[in-house]
Amino acid sequence: MASTTVNVVRYTALLGGVFYGIAHRRTLQKAHDAEVKQHAIHEREHLIAEAKEAWKKKQEGGKDGVVTDPEDPRFDLEKLIAKWEADSQ
C-alpha cells in the first residue's frame, strides 16, 4: 500500500492536471472562436465585394445598348447573340 503522503501527492497532481486541462481548453476555445469570427467577417466582406463587382458589371453592361430582357419590346435576339460572341472572345 502507498503511504498517505504519496496518495496526497497523486490526487493533488490529478486535480492540478484536471484544472490545468480545463484552463487550457478555455484558452484554446477562445482562440478558435476568435478565428472563426474573423473568418466569417472576412467571408462576408468577400461576398460583399463580389456583389459590388457583379452590380458594377451589370450596370456597365446596360450601356452598350443591348437589351437582355426578353419581355422588353426593344429586345433583339441577334444583337444579344452577337454581344455574347464578342464577350466570349
Protein backbone atom coordinates (compact mmCIF):
# COMPACT_ATOMS: atom_id res chain seq x y z
CA MET A 1 0.00 0.00 0.00
CA ALA A 2 1.05 3.54 -0.68
CA SER A 3 1.59 5.93 2.16
CA THR A 4 -0.78 8.80 2.78
CA THR A 5 1.82 11.29 1.58
CA VAL A 6 2.07 9.53 -1.78
CA ASN A 7 -1.73 9.44 -2.09
CA VAL A 8 -1.97 13.16 -1.31
CA VAL A 9 0.67 13.92 -3.96
CA ARG A 10 -1.11 11.70 -6.52
CA TYR A 11 -4.53 13.27 -6.01
CA THR A 12 -3.05 16.77 -5.89
CA ALA A 13 -1.31 16.11 -9.21
CA LEU A 14 -4.51 14.64 -10.63
CA LEU A 15 -6.64 17.61 -9.59
CA GLY A 16 -3.95 20.04 -10.75
CA GLY A 17 -3.91 18.32 -14.15
CA VAL A 18 -7.68 18.44 -14.42
CA PHE A 19 -7.80 22.15 -13.58
CA TYR A 20 -4.91 22.85 -15.96
CA GLY A 21 -6.75 20.97 -18.71
CA ILE A 22 -9.91 22.99 -18.13
CA ALA A 23 -7.99 26.28 -18.22
CA HIS A 24 -6.02 25.25 -21.31
CA ARG A 25 -9.17 24.16 -23.09
CA ARG A 26 -10.77 27.54 -22.40
CA THR A 27 -7.81 29.42 -23.88
CA LEU A 28 -7.79 27.19 -26.96
CA GLN A 29 -11.55 27.59 -27.37
CA LYS A 30 -11.31 31.39 -27.12
CA ALA A 31 -8.61 31.45 -29.79
CA HIS A 32 -10.65 29.15 -32.03
CA ASP A 33 -13.81 31.22 -31.58
CA ALA A 34 -11.92 34.41 -32.46
CA GLU A 35 -10.52 32.74 -35.58
CA VAL A 36 -13.96 31.54 -36.65
CA LYS A 37 -15.41 35.01 -36.12
CA GLN A 38 -12.60 36.61 -38.12
CA HIS A 39 -13.11 34.08 -40.92
CA ALA A 40 -16.84 34.82 -41.02
CA ILE A 41 -16.17 38.56 -41.21
CA HIS A 42 -13.63 38.07 -43.98
CA GLU A 43 -16.01 35.81 -45.90
CA ARG A 44 -18.82 38.36 -45.59
CA GLU A 45 -16.53 41.14 -46.84
CA HIS A 46 -15.50 38.94 -49.76
CA LEU A 47 -19.14 38.26 -50.68
CA ILE A 48 -19.97 41.96 -50.47
CA ALA A 49 -17.03 42.79 -52.75
CA GLU A 50 -18.19 40.15 -55.25
CA ALA A 51 -21.72 41.52 -55.17
CA LYS A 52 -20.44 45.06 -55.78
CA GLU A 53 -18.38 43.84 -58.74
CA ALA A 54 -21.36 41.99 -60.19
CA TRP A 55 -23.59 45.04 -59.75
CA LYS A 56 -20.99 47.29 -61.36
CA LYS A 57 -20.63 44.85 -64.25
CA LYS A 58 -24.40 44.69 -64.63
CA GLN A 59 -24.68 48.48 -64.66
CA GLU A 60 -21.90 48.78 -67.23
CA GLY A 61 -23.45 46.01 -69.32
CA GLY A 62 -26.56 48.08 -69.96
CA LYS A 63 -24.56 50.92 -71.53
CA ASP A 64 -23.81 49.06 -74.76
CA GLY A 65 -27.43 49.30 -75.92
CA VAL A 66 -28.22 45.57 -75.85
CA VAL A 67 -31.46 44.75 -74.07
CA THR A 68 -31.28 41.35 -72.35
CA ASP A 69 -34.85 41.23 -71.06
CA PRO A 70 -36.97 39.17 -73.49
CA GLU A 71 -40.14 40.87 -72.21
CA ASP A 72 -38.86 44.29 -73.30
CA PRO A 73 -40.26 45.48 -76.67
CA ARG A 74 -36.77 46.66 -77.67
CA PHE A 75 -35.31 43.14 -77.21
CA ASP A 76 -33.26 41.93 -80.20
CA LEU A 77 -32.02 38.34 -80.09
CA GLU A 78 -29.46 38.83 -82.87
CA LYS A 79 -27.79 41.73 -81.05
CA LEU A 80 -27.72 39.72 -77.83
CA ILE A 81 -26.10 36.71 -79.50
CA ALA A 82 -23.56 38.97 -81.22
CA LYS A 83 -22.72 40.55 -77.87
CA TRP A 84 -22.25 37.14 -76.25
CA GLU A 85 -19.97 36.05 -79.09
CA ALA A 86 -17.90 39.22 -78.73
CA ASP A 87 -17.65 38.76 -74.96
CA SER A 88 -16.52 35.15 -75.26
CA GLN A 89 -13.56 36.07 -77.48
